[in-house]
Amino acid sequence: MMSRSLVRSTVLVAVIAFSAPVLASGAVMRHLKLVRSFPAADTVLVASPEKITIELSEAVELTGAKLTLSKEGGAPVALGSLRREPSAPKVMRADVPTTLAGGSYSVSWRTMSKDGHVVKGTFGFRVGAAK
């Protein structure tokens, strides 16, 4: 016959063992992610955007952050300095100092979340008529 303390210990170990993956998955789901962008992914713009804006799910850390714009085929497009607005800490943006020619573009971004993980993503948009 098992003693009460052994039963309690066994139940406690089982609860911890089964709870750990659930709790860990909740932490993973809270990682920084893209909320919205301008231009929005896969949109067709009538005119060249004046800036590229990324809104994330938590405050942006500009140390090590990067925002790049490339024309279809991989040719890089120069952007202005990456900045975070004091009134919108979850938003990073960079000006597009030149008028973009018609065609497809790709935006790549990366930043660091509060827990130190590097988070990155890519999305595309088009300037001019849809293909």
N, C-alpha and C. Protein backbone atom coordinates (compact mmCIF):
# COMPACT_ATOMS: atom_id res chain seq x y z
N MET A 1 0.84 -1.18 0.00
CA MET A 1 0.00 0.00 0.00
C MET A 1 0.89 1.25 0.00
N MET A 2 0.55 2.22 -0.81
CA MET A 2 1.34 3.44 -0.94
C MET A 2 0.98 4.41 0.17
N SER A 3 1.97 5.11 0.67
CA SER A 3 1.71 6.12 1.69
C SER A 3 1.12 7.36 1.04
N ARG A 4 0.46 8.19 1.83
CA ARG A 4 -0.15 9.41 1.31
C ARG A 4 0.89 10.35 0.72
N SER A 5 2.04 10.47 1.36
CA SER A 5 3.07 11.38 0.85
C SER A 5 3.60 10.90 -0.50
N LEU A 6 3.70 9.60 -0.70
CA LEU A 6 4.16 9.07 -1.98
C LEU A 6 3.12 9.33 -3.07
N VAL A 7 1.84 9.19 -2.72
CA VAL A 7 0.76 9.47 -3.67
C VAL A 7 0.78 10.95 -4.05
N ARG A 8 0.89 11.82 -3.05
CA ARG A 8 0.94 13.26 -3.31
C ARG A 8 2.13 13.62 -4.20
N SER A 9 3.27 13.05 -3.91
CA SER A 9 4.48 13.32 -4.71
C SER A 9 4.28 12.86 -6.15
N THR A 10 3.69 11.70 -6.32
CA THR A 10 3.45 11.17 -7.66
C THR A 10 2.48 12.07 -8.43
N VAL A 11 1.42 12.50 -7.77
CA VAL A 11 0.45 13.39 -8.41
C VAL A 11 1.10 14.72 -8.77
N LEU A 12 1.90 15.28 -7.87
CA LEU A 12 2.58 16.54 -8.12
C LEU A 12 3.51 16.43 -9.32
N VAL A 13 4.28 15.37 -9.39
CA VAL A 13 5.19 15.16 -10.52
C VAL A 13 4.40 15.04 -11.82
N ALA A 14 3.29 14.34 -11.80
CA ALA A 14 2.47 14.18 -13.00
C ALA A 14 1.89 15.52 -13.45
N VAL A 15 1.40 16.31 -12.51
CA VAL A 15 0.85 17.62 -12.85
C VAL A 15 1.92 18.51 -13.47
N ILE A 16 3.09 18.54 -12.88
CA ILE A 16 4.19 19.35 -13.41
C ILE A 16 4.60 18.86 -14.80
N ALA A 17 4.71 17.56 -14.96
CA ALA A 17 5.13 16.98 -16.25
C ALA A 17 4.15 17.32 -17.36
N PHE A 18 2.86 17.28 -17.07
CA PHE A 18 1.87 17.56 -18.10
C PHE A 18 1.63 19.06 -18.28
N SER A 19 1.91 19.87 -17.28
CA SER A 19 1.71 21.32 -17.38
C SER A 19 2.85 22.02 -18.09
N ALA A 20 4.05 21.54 -17.98
CA ALA A 20 5.22 22.21 -18.55
C ALA A 20 5.09 22.48 -20.04
N PRO A 21 4.71 21.51 -20.88
CA PRO A 21 4.58 21.80 -22.31
C PRO A 21 3.51 22.85 -22.61
N VAL A 22 2.42 22.82 -21.86
CA VAL A 22 1.35 23.80 -22.07
C VAL A 22 1.84 25.19 -21.72
N LEU A 23 2.50 25.34 -20.59
CA LEU A 23 3.02 26.64 -20.18
C LEU A 23 4.09 27.12 -21.14
N ALA A 24 4.95 26.23 -21.60
CA ALA A 24 6.00 26.61 -22.54
C ALA A 24 5.41 27.06 -23.86
N SER A 25 4.36 26.40 -24.34
CA SER A 25 3.77 26.79 -25.62
C SER A 25 3.15 28.17 -25.50
N GLY A 26 2.61 28.54 -24.35
CA GLY A 26 2.08 29.89 -24.15
C GLY A 26 3.17 30.93 -24.24
N ALA A 27 4.34 30.63 -23.71
CA ALA A 27 5.46 31.57 -23.80
C ALA A 27 5.91 31.74 -25.24
N VAL A 28 5.92 30.66 -25.99
CA VAL A 28 6.33 30.74 -27.39
C VAL A 28 5.35 31.60 -28.18
N MET A 29 4.07 31.48 -27.89
CA MET A 29 3.07 32.22 -28.63
C MET A 29 3.15 33.72 -28.36
N ARG A 30 3.83 34.12 -27.31
CA ARG A 30 3.92 35.53 -26.99
C ARG A 30 5.11 36.20 -27.66
N HIS A 31 5.85 35.49 -28.50
CA HIS A 31 6.98 36.11 -29.18
C HIS A 31 6.52 37.25 -30.07
N LEU A 32 7.42 38.18 -30.28
CA LEU A 32 7.18 39.31 -31.15
C LEU A 32 6.75 38.84 -32.53
N LYS A 33 5.79 39.53 -33.12
CA LYS A 33 5.35 39.19 -34.47
C LYS A 33 4.88 40.45 -35.18
N LEU A 34 4.81 40.37 -36.49
CA LEU A 34 4.34 41.47 -37.32
C LEU A 34 2.84 41.62 -37.14
N VAL A 35 2.40 42.84 -36.83
CA VAL A 35 0.98 43.13 -36.68
C VAL A 35 0.42 43.67 -37.99
N ARG A 36 1.13 44.66 -38.56
CA ARG A 36 0.73 45.23 -39.85
C ARG A 36 1.91 45.96 -40.45
N SER A 37 1.77 46.26 -41.71
CA SER A 37 2.82 47.00 -42.40
C SER A 37 2.20 47.96 -43.40
N PHE A 38 2.99 48.95 -43.80
CA PHE A 38 2.64 49.79 -44.93
C PHE A 38 3.88 49.91 -45.78
N PRO A 39 3.76 49.53 -47.02
CA PRO A 39 2.60 48.94 -47.67
C PRO A 39 2.26 47.58 -47.05
N ALA A 40 0.99 47.24 -47.12
CA ALA A 40 0.57 45.92 -46.62
C ALA A 40 1.08 44.84 -47.56
N ALA A 41 1.28 43.66 -47.03
CA ALA A 41 1.77 42.54 -47.83
C ALA A 41 0.84 42.28 -49.02
N ASP A 42 1.45 42.08 -50.17
CA ASP A 42 0.76 41.69 -51.40
C ASP A 42 -0.19 42.75 -51.95
N THR A 43 -0.04 44.00 -51.55
CA THR A 43 -0.89 45.05 -52.10
C THR A 43 -0.29 45.60 -53.38
N VAL A 44 -1.14 46.24 -54.16
CA VAL A 44 -0.71 46.94 -55.36
C VAL A 44 -0.97 48.42 -55.11
N LEU A 45 0.11 49.21 -55.13
CA LEU A 45 -0.01 50.65 -54.90
C LEU A 45 -0.08 51.37 -56.24
N VAL A 46 -0.88 52.42 -56.30
CA VAL A 46 -0.97 53.23 -57.50
C VAL A 46 0.29 54.09 -57.64
N ALA A 47 0.83 54.55 -56.51
CA ALA A 47 2.01 55.41 -56.52
C ALA A 47 3.06 54.87 -55.55
N SER A 48 4.26 55.34 -55.72
CA SER A 48 5.38 54.95 -54.86
C SER A 48 5.11 55.35 -53.41
N PRO A 49 5.40 54.47 -52.45
CA PRO A 49 5.22 54.85 -51.04
C PRO A 49 6.31 55.84 -50.61
N GLU A 50 5.98 56.70 -49.67
CA GLU A 50 6.97 57.65 -49.15
C GLU A 50 7.78 57.05 -48.01
N LYS A 51 7.25 55.99 -47.40
CA LYS A 51 7.96 55.32 -46.31
C LYS A 51 7.52 53.87 -46.22
N ILE A 52 8.35 53.08 -45.56
CA ILE A 52 8.03 51.69 -45.23
C ILE A 52 7.83 51.66 -43.72
N THR A 53 6.70 51.13 -43.28
CA THR A 53 6.36 51.11 -41.85
C THR A 53 6.04 49.68 -41.43
N ILE A 54 6.61 49.28 -40.30
CA ILE A 54 6.37 47.96 -39.73
C ILE A 54 5.85 48.15 -38.31
N GLU A 55 4.68 47.57 -38.00
CA GLU A 55 4.18 47.59 -36.62
C GLU A 55 4.28 46.18 -36.07
N LEU A 56 4.89 46.06 -34.90
CA LEU A 56 5.11 44.76 -34.27
C LEU A 56 4.25 44.63 -33.01
N SER A 57 4.21 43.44 -32.46
CA SER A 57 3.36 43.16 -31.30
C SER A 57 3.93 43.64 -29.97
N GLU A 58 5.18 44.07 -29.96
CA GLU A 58 5.78 44.65 -28.76
C GLU A 58 6.75 45.74 -29.18
N ALA A 59 7.23 46.51 -28.23
CA ALA A 59 8.12 47.63 -28.53
C ALA A 59 9.33 47.17 -29.33
N VAL A 60 9.69 47.97 -30.30
CA VAL A 60 10.80 47.67 -31.20
C VAL A 60 12.13 48.01 -30.53
N GLU A 61 13.08 47.12 -30.64
CA GLU A 61 14.45 47.36 -30.19
C GLU A 61 15.26 47.66 -31.45
N LEU A 62 15.72 48.90 -31.59
CA LEU A 62 16.44 49.29 -32.81
C LEU A 62 17.87 48.77 -32.86
N THR A 63 18.44 48.38 -31.72
CA THR A 63 19.79 47.82 -31.73
C THR A 63 19.76 46.52 -32.52
N GLY A 64 20.47 46.48 -33.61
CA GLY A 64 20.50 45.30 -34.46
C GLY A 64 19.31 45.18 -35.41
N ALA A 65 18.40 46.15 -35.37
CA ALA A 65 17.24 46.11 -36.26
C ALA A 65 17.65 46.48 -37.68
N LYS A 66 16.92 45.95 -38.63
CA LYS A 66 17.24 46.21 -40.03
C LYS A 66 15.96 46.19 -40.85
N LEU A 67 15.90 47.08 -41.83
CA LEU A 67 14.77 47.14 -42.76
C LEU A 67 15.37 47.34 -44.14
N THR A 68 15.11 46.42 -45.06
CA THR A 68 15.67 46.54 -46.41
C THR A 68 14.56 46.44 -47.44
N LEU A 69 14.78 47.11 -48.55
CA LEU A 69 13.85 47.11 -49.67
C LEU A 69 14.61 46.67 -50.91
N SER A 70 14.04 45.73 -51.64
CA SER A 70 14.68 45.24 -52.86
C SER A 70 13.68 45.21 -54.00
N LYS A 71 14.16 45.56 -55.18
CA LYS A 71 13.34 45.48 -56.40
C LYS A 71 13.32 44.02 -56.84
N GLU A 72 12.31 43.66 -57.59
CA GLU A 72 12.23 42.31 -58.15
C GLU A 72 13.55 41.98 -58.84
N GLY A 73 14.10 40.84 -58.54
CA GLY A 73 15.40 40.46 -59.07
C GLY A 73 16.51 40.70 -58.07
N GLY A 74 16.20 41.36 -56.95
CA GLY A 74 17.17 41.49 -55.87
C GLY A 74 17.94 42.79 -55.78
N ALA A 75 17.74 43.72 -56.73
CA ALA A 75 18.47 44.99 -56.67
C ALA A 75 18.02 45.78 -55.44
N PRO A 76 18.98 46.14 -54.55
CA PRO A 76 18.60 46.89 -53.34
C PRO A 76 18.16 48.32 -53.66
N VAL A 77 17.24 48.81 -52.85
CA VAL A 77 16.76 50.19 -52.96
C VAL A 77 17.15 50.90 -51.67
N ALA A 78 17.83 52.03 -51.78
CA ALA A 78 18.28 52.78 -50.60
C ALA A 78 17.07 53.32 -49.83
N LEU A 79 17.14 53.18 -48.52
CA LEU A 79 16.12 53.73 -47.62
C LEU A 79 16.77 54.75 -46.70
N GLY A 80 15.95 55.63 -46.13
CA GLY A 80 16.44 56.56 -45.12
C GLY A 80 16.74 55.79 -43.83
N SER A 81 17.19 56.51 -42.82
CA SER A 81 17.53 55.89 -41.54
C SER A 81 16.32 55.23 -40.90
N LEU A 82 16.54 54.08 -40.31
CA LEU A 82 15.50 53.36 -39.58
C LEU A 82 15.26 54.09 -38.26
N ARG A 83 14.00 54.30 -37.92
CA ARG A 83 13.70 55.02 -36.68
C ARG A 83 12.45 54.44 -36.02
N ARG A 84 12.35 54.74 -34.76
CA ARG A 84 11.17 54.38 -33.97
C ARG A 84 10.57 55.67 -33.47
N GLU A 85 9.27 55.79 -33.59
CA GLU A 85 8.59 57.00 -33.13
C GLU A 85 8.37 56.93 -31.63
N PRO A 86 8.73 57.98 -30.86
CA PRO A 86 8.52 57.96 -29.41
C PRO A 86 7.05 57.73 -29.03
N SER A 87 6.12 58.23 -29.83
CA SER A 87 4.70 58.06 -29.53
C SER A 87 4.16 56.70 -29.97
N ALA A 88 4.97 55.93 -30.72
CA ALA A 88 4.54 54.61 -31.20
C ALA A 88 5.70 53.64 -31.08
N PRO A 89 6.02 53.15 -29.87
CA PRO A 89 7.21 52.33 -29.66
C PRO A 89 7.19 50.97 -30.35
N LYS A 90 6.03 50.54 -30.85
CA LYS A 90 5.94 49.26 -31.55
C LYS A 90 6.15 49.41 -33.06
N VAL A 91 6.40 50.63 -33.50
CA VAL A 91 6.50 50.91 -34.93
C VAL A 91 7.91 51.32 -35.30
N MET A 92 8.44 50.71 -36.38
CA MET A 92 9.70 51.19 -36.95
C MET A 92 9.42 51.54 -38.40
N ARG A 93 10.14 52.57 -38.87
CA ARG A 93 9.91 53.03 -40.24
C ARG A 93 11.17 53.61 -40.83
N ALA A 94 11.17 53.64 -42.14
CA ALA A 94 12.25 54.26 -42.89
C ALA A 94 11.64 54.94 -44.11
N ASP A 95 12.14 56.14 -44.42
CA ASP A 95 11.66 56.86 -45.59
C ASP A 95 12.18 56.21 -46.86
N VAL A 96 11.39 56.32 -47.91
CA VAL A 96 11.80 55.90 -49.25
C VAL A 96 12.14 57.21 -49.97
N PRO A 97 13.44 57.57 -50.05
CA PRO A 97 13.82 58.89 -50.55
C PRO A 97 13.67 59.09 -52.06
N THR A 98 13.48 58.02 -52.81
CA THR A 98 13.32 58.15 -54.26
C THR A 98 11.96 57.58 -54.66
N THR A 99 11.47 58.02 -55.80
CA THR A 99 10.22 57.48 -56.32
C THR A 99 10.50 56.11 -56.91
N LEU A 100 9.76 55.11 -56.45
CA LEU A 100 9.95 53.75 -56.95
C LEU A 100 9.29 53.60 -58.32
N ALA A 101 10.01 52.97 -59.23
CA ALA A 101 9.46 52.66 -60.54
C ALA A 101 8.43 51.55 -60.39
N GLY A 102 7.57 51.40 -61.38
CA GLY A 102 6.59 50.33 -61.35
C GLY A 102 7.28 48.97 -61.27
N GLY A 103 6.66 48.05 -60.57
CA GLY A 103 7.21 46.70 -60.46
C GLY A 103 7.00 46.12 -59.08
N SER A 104 7.57 44.95 -58.87
CA SER A 104 7.43 44.24 -57.59
C SER A 104 8.61 44.52 -56.68
N TYR A 105 8.32 44.62 -55.38
CA TYR A 105 9.34 44.92 -54.38
C TYR A 105 9.19 43.96 -53.20
N SER A 106 10.29 43.76 -52.51
CA SER A 106 10.32 42.90 -51.33
C SER A 106 10.89 43.69 -50.15
N VAL A 107 10.22 43.62 -49.02
CA VAL A 107 10.68 44.25 -47.79
C VAL A 107 11.11 43.14 -46.83
N SER A 108 12.32 43.25 -46.31
CA SER A 108 12.81 42.33 -45.28
C SER A 108 13.06 43.12 -44.02
N TRP A 109 12.68 42.57 -42.88
CA TRP A 109 12.88 43.26 -41.60
C TRP A 109 13.40 42.27 -40.57
N ARG A 110 14.08 42.83 -39.60
CA ARG A 110 14.53 42.02 -38.45
C ARG A 110 14.70 42.94 -37.26
N THR A 111 14.43 42.40 -36.09
CA THR A 111 14.63 43.11 -34.84
C THR A 111 14.77 42.07 -33.74
N MET A 112 14.93 42.53 -32.53
CA MET A 112 15.09 41.62 -31.40
C MET A 112 13.92 41.80 -30.44
N SER A 113 13.38 40.68 -29.98
CA SER A 113 12.28 40.74 -29.02
C SER A 113 12.84 41.01 -27.62
N LYS A 114 11.94 41.29 -26.67
CA LYS A 114 12.35 41.57 -25.29
C LYS A 114 13.16 40.43 -24.68
N ASP A 115 12.85 39.19 -25.09
CA ASP A 115 13.55 38.05 -24.52
C ASP A 115 14.86 37.71 -25.25
N GLY A 116 15.26 38.58 -26.18
CA GLY A 116 16.55 38.41 -26.85
C GLY A 116 16.53 37.61 -28.13
N HIS A 117 15.37 37.10 -28.54
CA HIS A 117 15.29 36.34 -29.78
C HIS A 117 15.27 37.29 -30.98
N VAL A 118 16.03 36.95 -32.01
CA VAL A 118 15.98 37.71 -33.26
C VAL A 118 14.74 37.24 -34.02
N VAL A 119 13.94 38.20 -34.45
CA VAL A 119 12.72 37.90 -35.19
C VAL A 119 12.81 38.63 -36.52
N LYS A 120 12.45 37.94 -37.59
CA LYS A 120 12.56 38.54 -38.92
C LYS A 120 11.42 38.09 -39.81
N GLY A 121 11.23 38.83 -40.88
CA GLY A 121 10.18 38.48 -41.83
C GLY A 121 10.39 39.19 -43.14
N THR A 122 9.60 38.80 -44.11
CA THR A 122 9.66 39.37 -45.45
C THR A 122 8.24 39.45 -46.00
N PHE A 123 7.97 40.50 -46.74
CA PHE A 123 6.69 40.59 -47.46
C PHE A 123 6.93 41.39 -48.73
N GLY A 124 6.00 41.26 -49.66
CA GLY A 124 6.15 41.95 -50.94
C GLY A 124 4.98 42.86 -51.22
N PHE A 125 5.20 43.78 -52.15
CA PHE A 125 4.15 44.65 -52.65
C PHE A 125 4.51 45.04 -54.08
N ARG A 126 3.59 45.68 -54.75
CA ARG A 126 3.81 46.07 -56.14
C ARG A 126 3.43 47.53 -56.31
N VAL A 127 4.18 48.23 -57.14
CA VAL A 127 3.85 49.61 -57.51
C VAL A 127 3.40 49.57 -58.97
N GLY A 128 2.25 50.18 -59.25
CA GLY A 128 1.73 50.19 -60.63
C GLY A 128 0.65 49.15 -60.80
N ALA A 129 0.31 48.89 -62.04
CA ALA A 129 -0.78 47.96 -62.37
C ALA A 129 -0.46 46.55 -61.90
N ALA A 130 -1.50 45.84 -61.49
CA ALA A 130 -1.33 44.44 -61.09
C ALA A 130 -1.00 43.59 -62.30
N LYS A 131 -0.23 42.54 -62.08
CA LYS A 131 0.12 41.63 -63.19
C LYS A 131 -1.02 40.70 -63.47
